[in-house]
Amino acid sequence: GIHVSTTSGMVRDRVTVAGTGFAENVEVSITFGEEEVETARSDENGNFTIDFDVPSVQPGTYDIKAKDEYYNSALAEFTLTTGLSINPVTSQASPGHVGMDVAVNGIGFRPKTTITITYSSTPVVVAVAESKASGSFSASFKIPEGEAGEHTITASDSTNSLEVTFFMESEAPVIPQPLLPVIDIKPEPPITFKWQGVTDPSGVTYTLQVAKDKDFASIVLEKERLTQSEYTLTEDERL
């Protein structure tokens, strides 16, 4: 009979086959499904051990067969699965950020098929790839803007759909300190507001609020998504 080191895996995984009870000192053919993947040689006791790499075939269950020239043979089943991975790998302890370049690699998909990659719980298509004849593919994209926490990256063809998780960083940058205008001094128009610039791996936009009181209970001006650390009021925005 034969024993295999694992009964399931993915394309290119290494599998060890150990056989006993075969003819002595003969060649033993190892097939995976219909494909011969390796040839072993039995010892004086009819035993052998050999490694092979799982060939590029479609997901499913296959027979691993060992057969010698005297028609001694044995079978073991192997289930070929699909796989999806990203690089770099993120985690809660080591999260990613907006704009990060991410490579997506998949195996076990339908051959020569369009693969659609989406990002986030509200799916946004971020990349499209074409799988190879082996069912593998590679793609890359930049992480779009989104909230902190876990986000789902999905790769789909017409049959298979696999997911991996991307962790977005949640550490906010420091609060910028105001520079101009000087507090308690009434500036002359045009009034320019300036503040200390800050940085963050995910990028930074600013929200400028001007209020009549120190508690900001009565806001008279609000400008969102400013990309520079200063803003000059227009004539229509005179305070």
C-alpha atoms as a PDB file:
ATOM      1  CA  GLY A   1       0.000   0.000   0.000  1.00  0.00           C
ATOM      2  CA  ILE A   2       0.947   3.670  -0.001  1.00  0.00           C
ATOM      3  CA  HIS A   3       0.794   6.488   2.528  1.00  0.00           C
ATOM      4  CA  VAL A   4       0.782  10.175   1.543  1.00  0.00           C
ATOM      5  CA  SER A   5       2.039  12.976   3.772  1.00  0.00           C
ATOM      6  CA  THR A   6      -1.126  15.009   3.239  1.00  0.00           C
ATOM      7  CA  THR A   7      -4.505  14.256   1.684  1.00  0.00           C
ATOM      8  CA  SER A   8      -5.336  17.810   0.615  1.00  0.00           C
ATOM      9  CA  GLY A   9      -3.509  20.874  -0.613  1.00  0.00           C
ATOM     10  CA  MET A  10      -2.976  23.275  -3.465  1.00  0.00           C
ATOM     11  CA  VAL A  11      -1.113  23.414  -6.763  1.00  0.00           C
ATOM     12  CA  ARG A  12       2.675  23.236  -6.288  1.00  0.00           C
ATOM     13  CA  ASP A  13       2.399  21.806  -2.758  1.00  0.00           C
ATOM     14  CA  ARG A  14       4.982  19.087  -2.079  1.00  0.00           C
ATOM     15  CA  VAL A  15       3.632  15.625  -1.243  1.00  0.00           C
ATOM     16  CA  THR A  16       5.610  12.644   0.058  1.00  0.00           C
ATOM     17  CA  VAL A  17       4.510   9.146  -0.973  1.00  0.00           C
ATOM     18  CA  ALA A  18       5.725   6.126   0.990  1.00  0.00           C
ATOM     19  CA  GLY A  19       5.012   2.652  -0.402  1.00  0.00           C
ATOM     20  CA  THR A  20       5.325  -0.900   0.912  1.00  0.00           C
ATOM     21  CA  GLY A  21       4.664  -4.341  -0.547  1.00  0.00           C
ATOM     22  CA  PHE A  22       5.917  -3.662  -4.070  1.00  0.00           C
ATOM     23  CA  ALA A  23       8.328  -5.789  -6.105  1.00  0.00           C
ATOM     24  CA  GLU A  24      11.980  -5.592  -5.086  1.00  0.00           C
ATOM     25  CA  ASN A  25      14.375  -3.186  -6.809  1.00  0.00           C
ATOM     26  CA  VAL A  26      12.002  -2.038  -9.540  1.00  0.00           C
ATOM     27  CA  GLU A  27      10.752   1.275 -10.837  1.00  0.00           C
ATOM     28  CA  VAL A  28       7.441   2.459  -9.417  1.00  0.00           C
ATOM     29  CA  SER A  29       5.403   4.966 -11.415  1.00  0.00           C
ATOM     30  CA  ILE A  30       3.574   7.675  -9.441  1.00  0.00           C
ATOM     31  CA  THR A  31       0.568   9.285 -11.107  1.00  0.00           C
ATOM     32  CA  PHE A  32      -1.675  12.124  -9.974  1.00  0.00           C
ATOM     33  CA  GLY A  33      -4.994  11.638 -11.718  1.00  0.00           C
ATOM     34  CA  GLU A  34      -3.980  10.870 -15.296  1.00  0.00           C
ATOM     35  CA  GLU A  35      -0.587  12.604 -15.088  1.00  0.00           C
ATOM     36  CA  GLU A  36       2.641  10.809 -14.225  1.00  0.00           C
ATOM     37  CA  VAL A  37       4.436  13.039 -11.750  1.00  0.00           C
ATOM     38  CA  GLU A  38       7.424  10.982 -10.571  1.00  0.00           C
ATOM     39  CA  THR A  39       9.198   7.623 -10.765  1.00  0.00           C
ATOM     40  CA  ALA A  40      10.516   5.941  -7.630  1.00  0.00           C
ATOM     41  CA  ARG A  41      12.642   2.840  -7.167  1.00  0.00           C
ATOM     42  CA  SER A  42      11.806   0.224  -4.575  1.00  0.00           C
ATOM     43  CA  ASP A  43      14.455  -1.221  -2.285  1.00  0.00           C
ATOM     44  CA  GLU A  44      15.252  -4.869  -1.544  1.00  0.00           C
ATOM     45  CA  ASN A  45      12.172  -5.027   0.684  1.00  0.00           C
ATOM     46  CA  GLY A  46       9.804  -3.563  -1.890  1.00  0.00           C
ATOM     47  CA  ASN A  47       9.577  -0.219  -0.104  1.00  0.00           C
ATOM     48  CA  PHE A  48      10.063   3.295  -1.476  1.00  0.00           C
ATOM     49  CA  THR A  49       9.683   6.963  -0.538  1.00  0.00           C
ATOM     50  CA  ILE A  50       9.503   9.845  -2.998  1.00  0.00           C
ATOM     51  CA  ASP A  51       8.333  13.470  -3.205  1.00  0.00           C
ATOM     52  CA  PHE A  52       6.432  15.239  -5.964  1.00  0.00           C
ATOM     53  CA  ASP A  53       4.817  18.639  -6.508  1.00  0.00           C
ATOM     54  CA  VAL A  54       1.066  18.801  -7.087  1.00  0.00           C
ATOM     55  CA  PRO A  55       0.573  19.583 -10.800  1.00  0.00           C
ATOM     56  CA  SER A  56      -1.497  22.449 -12.215  1.00  0.00           C
ATOM     57  CA  VAL A  57      -4.955  20.911 -12.488  1.00  0.00           C
ATOM     58  CA  GLN A  58      -8.441  22.019 -11.521  1.00  0.00           C
ATOM     59  CA  PRO A  59      -9.744  21.743  -7.932  1.00  0.00           C
ATOM     60  CA  GLY A  60     -11.280  18.383  -7.072  1.00  0.00           C
ATOM     61  CA  THR A  61     -10.452  14.936  -5.716  1.00  0.00           C
ATOM     62  CA  TYR A  62      -7.747  12.909  -7.488  1.00  0.00           C
ATOM     63  CA  ASP A  63      -6.205   9.460  -7.118  1.00  0.00           C
ATOM     64  CA  ILE A  64      -2.515   9.243  -6.344  1.00  0.00           C
ATOM     65  CA  LYS A  65      -1.475   5.869  -7.757  1.00  0.00           C
ATOM     66  CA  ALA A  66       1.727   3.893  -7.386  1.00  0.00           C
ATOM     67  CA  LYS A  67       2.295   1.005  -9.806  1.00  0.00           C
ATOM     68  CA  ASP A  68       5.314  -1.160 -10.536  1.00  0.00           C
ATOM     69  CA  GLU A  69       6.156  -3.214 -13.631  1.00  0.00           C
ATOM     70  CA  TYR A  70       4.640  -6.328 -12.062  1.00  0.00           C
ATOM     71  CA  TYR A  71       1.274  -4.594 -11.766  1.00  0.00           C
ATOM     72  CA  ASN A  72       1.469  -4.191  -8.020  1.00  0.00           C
ATOM     73  CA  SER A  73      -0.438  -0.982  -7.323  1.00  0.00           C
ATOM     74  CA  ALA A  74      -2.023   1.091  -4.570  1.00  0.00           C
ATOM     75  CA  LEU A  75      -4.165   4.238  -4.407  1.00  0.00           C
ATOM     76  CA  ALA A  76      -4.618   7.215  -2.102  1.00  0.00           C
ATOM     77  CA  GLU A  77      -7.027  10.126  -2.535  1.00  0.00           C
ATOM     78  CA  PHE A  78      -5.916  13.755  -2.635  1.00  0.00           C
ATOM     79  CA  THR A  79      -8.231  16.788  -2.643  1.00  0.00           C
ATOM     80  CA  LEU A  80      -6.945  19.816  -4.522  1.00  0.00           C
ATOM     81  CA  THR A  81      -8.205  23.073  -3.040  1.00  0.00           C
ATOM     82  CA  THR A  82      -8.159  26.710  -4.079  1.00  0.00           C
ATOM     83  CA  GLY A  83      -6.106  29.408  -2.423  1.00  0.00           C
ATOM     84  CA  LEU A  84      -5.954  33.208  -2.164  1.00  0.00           C
ATOM     85  CA  SER A  85      -3.287  35.338  -0.516  1.00  0.00           C
ATOM     86  CA  ILE A  86      -2.185  38.964  -0.308  1.00  0.00           C
ATOM     87  CA  ASN A  87       1.225  40.537   0.126  1.00  0.00           C
ATOM     88  CA  PRO A  88       1.956  42.213   2.435  1.00  0.00           C
ATOM     89  CA  VAL A  89      -0.110  40.296   4.964  1.00  0.00           C
ATOM     90  CA  THR A  90      -1.816  42.581   7.502  1.00  0.00           C
ATOM     91  CA  SER A  91      -3.110  41.962  11.009  1.00  0.00           C
ATOM     92  CA  GLN A  92      -4.495  43.900  13.953  1.00  0.00           C
ATOM     93  CA  ALA A  93      -0.967  44.148  15.314  1.00  0.00           C
ATOM     94  CA  SER A  94       0.502  45.135  11.934  1.00  0.00           C
ATOM     95  CA  PRO A  95      -2.227  46.881   9.907  1.00  0.00           C
ATOM     96  CA  GLY A  96      -2.031  48.442   6.458  1.00  0.00           C
ATOM     97  CA  HIS A  97      -3.003  51.922   5.315  1.00  0.00           C
ATOM     98  CA  VAL A  98      -4.744  53.851   2.563  1.00  0.00           C
ATOM     99  CA  GLY A  99      -2.680  53.895  -0.627  1.00  0.00           C
ATOM    100  CA  MET A 100      -0.708  50.750   0.262  1.00  0.00           C
ATOM    101  CA  ASP A 101       0.298  48.626  -2.741  1.00  0.00           C
ATOM    102  CA  VAL A 102      -1.160  45.133  -2.304  1.00  0.00           C
ATOM    103  CA  ALA A 103      -0.425  42.084  -4.471  1.00  0.00           C
ATOM    104  CA  VAL A 104      -3.156  39.441  -4.762  1.00  0.00           C
ATOM    105  CA  ASN A 105      -2.269  35.866  -5.763  1.00  0.00           C
ATOM    106  CA  GLY A 106      -4.720  33.036  -6.371  1.00  0.00           C
ATOM    107  CA  ILE A 107      -4.555  29.387  -7.399  1.00  0.00           C
ATOM    108  CA  GLY A 108      -7.146  26.784  -8.234  1.00  0.00           C
ATOM    109  CA  PHE A 109      -9.426  29.106 -10.206  1.00  0.00           C
ATOM    110  CA  ARG A 110     -10.956  28.363 -13.597  1.00  0.00           C
ATOM    111  CA  PRO A 111      -8.274  28.458 -16.340  1.00  0.00           C
ATOM    112  CA  LYS A 112      -8.078  31.405 -18.716  1.00  0.00           C
ATOM    113  CA  THR A 113     -10.965  33.169 -17.024  1.00  0.00           C
ATOM    114  CA  THR A 114     -11.514  36.766 -15.943  1.00  0.00           C
ATOM    115  CA  ILE A 115     -10.908  37.172 -12.211  1.00  0.00           C
ATOM    116  CA  THR A 116     -12.593  40.124 -10.505  1.00  0.00           C
ATOM    117  CA  ILE A 117     -11.027  41.471  -7.304  1.00  0.00           C
ATOM    118  CA  THR A 118     -13.202  43.548  -4.978  1.00  0.00           C
ATOM    119  CA  TYR A 119     -12.404  45.377  -1.745  1.00  0.00           C
ATOM    120  CA  SER A 120     -14.389  46.173   1.411  1.00  0.00           C
ATOM    121  CA  SER A 121     -17.720  45.063   2.814  1.00  0.00           C
ATOM    122  CA  THR A 122     -19.447  47.277   0.258  1.00  0.00           C
ATOM    123  CA  PRO A 123     -17.591  45.774  -2.713  1.00  0.00           C
ATOM    124  CA  VAL A 124     -15.610  48.080  -4.967  1.00  0.00           C
ATOM    125  CA  VAL A 125     -13.855  46.531  -7.978  1.00  0.00           C
ATOM    126  CA  VAL A 126     -10.169  47.328  -7.526  1.00  0.00           C
ATOM    127  CA  ALA A 127      -8.544  45.012 -10.102  1.00  0.00           C
ATOM    128  CA  VAL A 128      -9.293  42.572 -12.913  1.00  0.00           C
ATOM    129  CA  ALA A 129      -6.950  39.740 -13.937  1.00  0.00           C
ATOM    130  CA  GLU A 130      -6.877  36.823 -16.351  1.00  0.00           C
ATOM    131  CA  SER A 131      -6.112  33.405 -14.890  1.00  0.00           C
ATOM    132  CA  LYS A 132      -3.476  31.213 -16.526  1.00  0.00           C
ATOM    133  CA  ALA A 133      -4.064  27.749 -17.942  1.00  0.00           C
ATOM    134  CA  SER A 134      -3.109  26.408 -14.501  1.00  0.00           C
ATOM    135  CA  GLY A 135      -5.850  28.450 -12.820  1.00  0.00           C
ATOM    136  CA  SER A 136      -3.420  30.785 -11.074  1.00  0.00           C
ATOM    137  CA  PHE A 137      -3.426  34.577 -11.298  1.00  0.00           C
ATOM    138  CA  SER A 138      -1.697  37.648  -9.926  1.00  0.00           C
ATOM    139  CA  ALA A 139      -2.967  41.207  -9.603  1.00  0.00           C
ATOM    140  CA  SER A 140      -2.177  44.345  -7.635  1.00  0.00           C
ATOM    141  CA  PHE A 141      -3.976  47.485  -6.516  1.00  0.00           C
ATOM    142  CA  LYS A 142      -3.741  50.398  -4.081  1.00  0.00           C
ATOM    143  CA  ILE A 143      -5.910  50.274  -0.971  1.00  0.00           C
ATOM    144  CA  PRO A 144      -8.696  52.871  -1.367  1.00  0.00           C
ATOM    145  CA  GLU A 145      -9.957  55.200   1.340  1.00  0.00           C
ATOM    146  CA  GLY A 146     -12.002  53.506   4.030  1.00  0.00           C
ATOM    147  CA  GLU A 147     -12.697  53.189   7.705  1.00  0.00           C
ATOM    148  CA  ALA A 148     -10.329  51.607  10.188  1.00  0.00           C
ATOM    149  CA  GLY A 149     -10.714  47.910  10.925  1.00  0.00           C
ATOM    150  CA  GLU A 150     -11.258  44.751   8.889  1.00  0.00           C
ATOM    151  CA  HIS A 151     -12.011  44.838   5.156  1.00  0.00           C
ATOM    152  CA  THR A 152     -12.678  41.909   2.828  1.00  0.00           C
ATOM    153  CA  ILE A 153     -10.719  41.325  -0.391  1.00  0.00           C
ATOM    154  CA  THR A 154     -12.579  38.904  -2.678  1.00  0.00           C
ATOM    155  CA  ALA A 155     -11.414  37.196  -5.879  1.00  0.00           C
ATOM    156  CA  SER A 156     -14.138  35.649  -8.048  1.00  0.00           C
ATOM    157  CA  ASP A 157     -14.470  33.838 -11.351  1.00  0.00           C
ATOM    158  CA  SER A 158     -17.663  32.332 -12.759  1.00  0.00           C
ATOM    159  CA  THR A 159     -17.444  29.429 -10.289  1.00  0.00           C
ATOM    160  CA  ASN A 160     -15.073  30.124  -7.396  1.00  0.00           C
ATOM    161  CA  SER A 161     -15.023  32.963  -4.880  1.00  0.00           C
ATOM    162  CA  LEU A 162     -12.384  33.298  -2.154  1.00  0.00           C
ATOM    163  CA  GLU A 163     -11.795  35.935   0.510  1.00  0.00           C
ATOM    164  CA  VAL A 164      -8.938  37.284   2.607  1.00  0.00           C
ATOM    165  CA  THR A 165      -8.978  40.002   5.253  1.00  0.00           C
ATOM    166  CA  PHE A 166      -7.152  43.333   5.120  1.00  0.00           C
ATOM    167  CA  PHE A 167      -6.696  45.260   8.370  1.00  0.00           C
ATOM    168  CA  MET A 168      -6.765  49.070   8.084  1.00  0.00           C
ATOM    169  CA  GLU A 169      -4.795  51.092  10.614  1.00  0.00           C
ATOM    170  CA  SER A 170      -6.788  53.108  13.154  1.00  0.00           C
ATOM    171  CA  GLU A 171      -4.231  55.375  14.812  1.00  0.00           C
ATOM    172  CA  ALA A 172      -5.190  58.993  14.152  1.00  0.00           C
ATOM    173  CA  PRO A 173      -2.489  61.617  13.543  1.00  0.00           C
ATOM    174  CA  VAL A 174      -1.816  64.268  16.178  1.00  0.00           C
ATOM    175  CA  ILE A 175      -4.208  67.232  16.321  1.00  0.00           C
ATOM    176  CA  PRO A 176      -2.670  70.126  14.360  1.00  0.00           C
ATOM    177  CA  GLN A 177      -2.086  73.335  16.300  1.00  0.00           C
ATOM    178  CA  PRO A 178      -3.344  76.688  14.900  1.00  0.00           C
ATOM    179  CA  LEU A 179      -0.721  79.205  13.757  1.00  0.00           C
ATOM    180  CA  LEU A 180      -2.660  82.064  12.120  1.00  0.00           C
ATOM    181  CA  PRO A 181      -4.517  84.287  12.706  1.00  0.00           C
ATOM    182  CA  VAL A 182      -3.197  85.157  16.141  1.00  0.00           C
ATOM    183  CA  ILE A 183      -5.838  84.649  18.815  1.00  0.00           C
ATOM    184  CA  ASP A 184      -7.501  87.831  20.158  1.00  0.00           C
ATOM    185  CA  ILE A 185      -6.156  89.953  17.299  1.00  0.00           C
ATOM    186  CA  LYS A 186      -8.616  90.861  14.551  1.00  0.00           C
ATOM    187  CA  PRO A 187      -6.954  90.210  11.180  1.00  0.00           C
ATOM    188  CA  GLU A 188      -7.409  92.281   8.059  1.00  0.00           C
ATOM    189  CA  PRO A 189      -8.918  90.634   4.967  1.00  0.00           C
ATOM    190  CA  PRO A 190      -8.145  88.533   3.110  1.00  0.00           C
ATOM    191  CA  ILE A 191      -7.996  86.310   6.178  1.00  0.00           C
ATOM    192  CA  THR A 192      -5.767  83.257   5.961  1.00  0.00           C
ATOM    193  CA  PHE A 193      -5.952  80.425   8.453  1.00  0.00           C
ATOM    194  CA  LYS A 194      -2.790  78.401   8.939  1.00  0.00           C
ATOM    195  CA  TRP A 195      -2.043  75.417  11.141  1.00  0.00           C
ATOM    196  CA  GLN A 196       0.713  72.886  11.696  1.00  0.00           C
ATOM    197  CA  GLY A 197       0.823  70.206   9.034  1.00  0.00           C
ATOM    198  CA  VAL A 198       0.669  66.564  10.133  1.00  0.00           C
ATOM    199  CA  THR A 199       1.363  63.276   8.347  1.00  0.00           C
ATOM    200  CA  ASP A 200      -0.183  59.811   8.399  1.00  0.00           C
ATOM    201  CA  PRO A 201       0.472  56.614   6.379  1.00  0.00           C
ATOM    202  CA  SER A 202      -3.117  56.751   5.098  1.00  0.00           C
ATOM    203  CA  GLY A 203      -2.841  60.399   4.056  1.00  0.00           C
ATOM    204  CA  VAL A 204      -4.373  63.450   5.702  1.00  0.00           C
ATOM    205  CA  THR A 205      -7.210  65.866   4.946  1.00  0.00           C
ATOM    206  CA  TYR A 206      -8.226  68.690   7.248  1.00  0.00           C
ATOM    207  CA  THR A 207     -11.529  70.143   8.425  1.00  0.00           C
ATOM    208  CA  LEU A 208     -11.452  73.857   9.266  1.00  0.00           C
ATOM    209  CA  GLN A 209     -14.109  75.149  11.646  1.00  0.00           C
ATOM    210  CA  VAL A 210     -14.590  78.774  12.689  1.00  0.00           C
ATOM    211  CA  ALA A 211     -16.982  79.544  15.545  1.00  0.00           C
ATOM    212  CA  LYS A 212     -18.241  82.558  17.477  1.00  0.00           C
ATOM    213  CA  ASP A 213     -17.455  80.952  20.828  1.00  0.00           C
ATOM    214  CA  LYS A 214     -14.652  78.898  22.347  1.00  0.00           C
ATOM    215  CA  ASP A 215     -16.931  75.883  22.808  1.00  0.00           C
ATOM    216  CA  PHE A 216     -17.751  75.822  19.066  1.00  0.00           C
ATOM    217  CA  ALA A 217     -21.474  75.827  19.820  1.00  0.00           C
ATOM    218  CA  SER A 218     -22.085  78.342  17.032  1.00  0.00           C
ATOM    219  CA  ILE A 219     -20.041  77.464  13.941  1.00  0.00           C
ATOM    220  CA  VAL A 220     -20.020  80.163  11.263  1.00  0.00           C
ATOM    221  CA  LEU A 221     -17.733  78.437   8.739  1.00  0.00           C
ATOM    222  CA  GLU A 222     -16.753  74.844   8.032  1.00  0.00           C
ATOM    223  CA  LYS A 223     -14.493  73.655   5.217  1.00  0.00           C
ATOM    224  CA  GLU A 224     -13.922  69.904   4.840  1.00  0.00           C
ATOM    225  CA  ARG A 225     -11.350  67.738   3.053  1.00  0.00           C
ATOM    226  CA  LEU A 226      -8.699  70.420   2.776  1.00  0.00           C
ATOM    227  CA  THR A 227      -5.405  68.982   1.567  1.00  0.00           C
ATOM    228  CA  GLN A 228      -3.173  71.913   2.563  1.00  0.00           C
ATOM    229  CA  SER A 229      -2.478  73.225   6.066  1.00  0.00           C
ATOM    230  CA  GLU A 230      -3.862  76.669   5.248  1.00  0.00           C
ATOM    231  CA  TYR A 231      -7.017  78.247   3.860  1.00  0.00           C
ATOM    232  CA  THR A 232      -7.788  81.796   2.698  1.00  0.00           C
ATOM    233  CA  LEU A 233     -11.358  83.026   2.945  1.00  0.00           C
ATOM    234  CA  THR A 234     -13.081  84.091  -0.250  1.00  0.00           C
ATOM    235  CA  GLU A 235     -15.054  87.320  -0.486  1.00  0.00           C
ATOM    236  CA  ASP A 236     -18.273  85.367   0.021  1.00  0.00           C
ATOM    237  CA  GLU A 237     -16.877  83.854   3.205  1.00  0.00           C
ATOM    238  CA  ARG A 238     -16.144  87.072   5.057  1.00  0.00           C
ATOM    239  CA  LEU A 239     -16.741  86.667   8.771  1.00  0.00           C
END
